Protein backbone atom coordinates (compact mmCIF):
# COMPACT_ATOMS: atom_id res chain seq x y z
CA MET A 1 77.87 47.49 125.24
CA LYS A 2 77.80 47.16 121.65
CA ILE A 3 75.06 47.06 118.57
CA LYS A 4 73.34 44.24 118.09
CA ASP A 5 74.27 42.77 114.45
CA GLY A 6 71.49 43.68 112.10
CA PHE A 7 70.03 47.06 113.58
CA THR A 8 70.65 50.06 111.57
CA LEU A 9 69.93 53.86 112.05
CA HIS A 10 67.62 55.06 109.09
CA GLN A 11 66.74 58.84 108.54
CA ILE A 12 63.23 59.62 107.40
CA SER A 13 62.96 63.01 106.42
CA ASP A 14 63.74 64.54 109.87
CA GLU A 15 62.94 61.58 112.17
CA TYR A 16 65.39 58.82 113.10
CA ILE A 17 64.48 55.00 113.39
CA ILE A 18 66.37 51.99 114.03
CA MET A 19 65.13 48.93 112.25
CA TYR A 20 65.95 45.29 111.85
CA ASN A 21 67.54 44.24 108.79
CA GLY A 22 66.91 40.47 109.04
CA THR A 23 64.78 37.91 106.73
CA GLN A 24 61.66 38.34 109.19
CA ASN A 25 58.36 40.61 108.02
CA VAL A 26 58.96 44.52 109.77
CA ASP A 27 57.04 44.59 112.91
CA PHE A 28 55.95 48.36 113.01
CA ASN A 29 54.96 47.79 116.59
CA ASN A 30 58.68 47.50 117.19
CA ILE A 31 60.26 50.68 115.18
CA ILE A 32 62.38 52.55 117.54
CA SER A 33 62.79 56.20 116.73
CA LEU A 34 65.63 58.33 118.16
CA ASN A 35 65.71 62.08 118.79
CA SER A 36 68.73 63.82 117.05
CA THR A 37 70.99 63.47 119.73
CA ALA A 38 70.39 59.32 120.21
CA ALA A 39 70.64 59.36 116.46
CA TYR A 40 74.44 61.08 116.77
CA LEU A 41 75.47 59.15 119.41
CA TRP A 42 74.18 55.69 117.62
CA LYS A 43 76.43 56.71 114.80
CA HIS A 44 79.11 57.40 116.41
CA VAL A 45 79.29 54.05 118.16
CA GLU A 46 78.28 51.87 115.55
CA GLY A 47 81.03 48.97 115.29
CA MET A 48 82.90 50.14 118.14
CA ASP A 49 82.32 48.92 122.18
CA PHE A 50 80.98 51.59 124.37
CA ASN A 51 79.77 52.07 127.69
CA ALA A 52 78.29 55.26 129.49
CA TYR A 53 81.23 57.20 129.98
CA THR A 54 82.05 56.68 126.08
CA LEU A 55 78.55 58.50 125.18
CA THR A 56 79.35 60.81 128.31
CA ASP A 57 82.58 61.80 126.63
CA PHE A 58 80.54 62.39 122.93
CA LEU A 59 77.80 64.51 124.26
CA MET A 60 80.23 66.82 126.12
CA GLU A 61 82.10 67.45 123.50
CA ASN A 62 79.46 68.27 121.10
CA TYR A 63 76.79 69.96 123.14
CA GLU A 64 76.53 72.58 126.24
CA VAL A 65 75.88 69.95 128.50
CA ASP A 66 77.66 69.74 132.18
CA SER A 67 79.13 66.36 133.23
CA GLU A 68 76.64 65.29 135.74
CA THR A 69 73.56 65.75 133.29
CA ALA A 70 75.63 64.21 130.33
CA LYS A 71 76.23 61.14 132.61
CA ARG A 72 72.43 60.85 133.47
CA ASP A 73 71.36 61.15 130.18
CA ALA A 74 74.14 58.57 128.51
CA GLU A 75 73.28 56.12 131.30
CA GLN A 76 69.32 56.24 130.70
CA LEU A 77 70.12 55.90 126.73
CA ILE A 78 71.92 52.86 127.49
CA LYS A 79 69.07 51.45 129.67
CA ASN A 80 66.49 52.15 127.04
CA TRP A 81 68.45 50.54 124.25
CA LEU A 82 69.21 47.64 126.62
CA GLU A 83 65.22 47.50 127.31
CA ALA A 84 64.53 47.75 123.52
CA GLY A 85 67.02 44.78 122.92
CA ILE A 86 69.07 46.94 120.20
CA ILE A 87 72.32 46.50 121.97
CA LYS A 88 74.25 43.55 124.25
């Protein structure tokens, strides 16, 4: 997996959003909000190839979570990002 070109993470106060930085007008119905954990993972995989195992490792290294929960959360996050069209 890889983040698609043009999508960037922005922090507004204590909120995180993903926006497309293209020449098109911004459709505010399609802004994707992330929680702090998802934003942390996004920051760490920007510009690199990743998969569920990569995200699982990041989660286990930085949060008190068991491997099964981390893997399940990583797989769900990837599914959500694929459905949103922000990774390929």
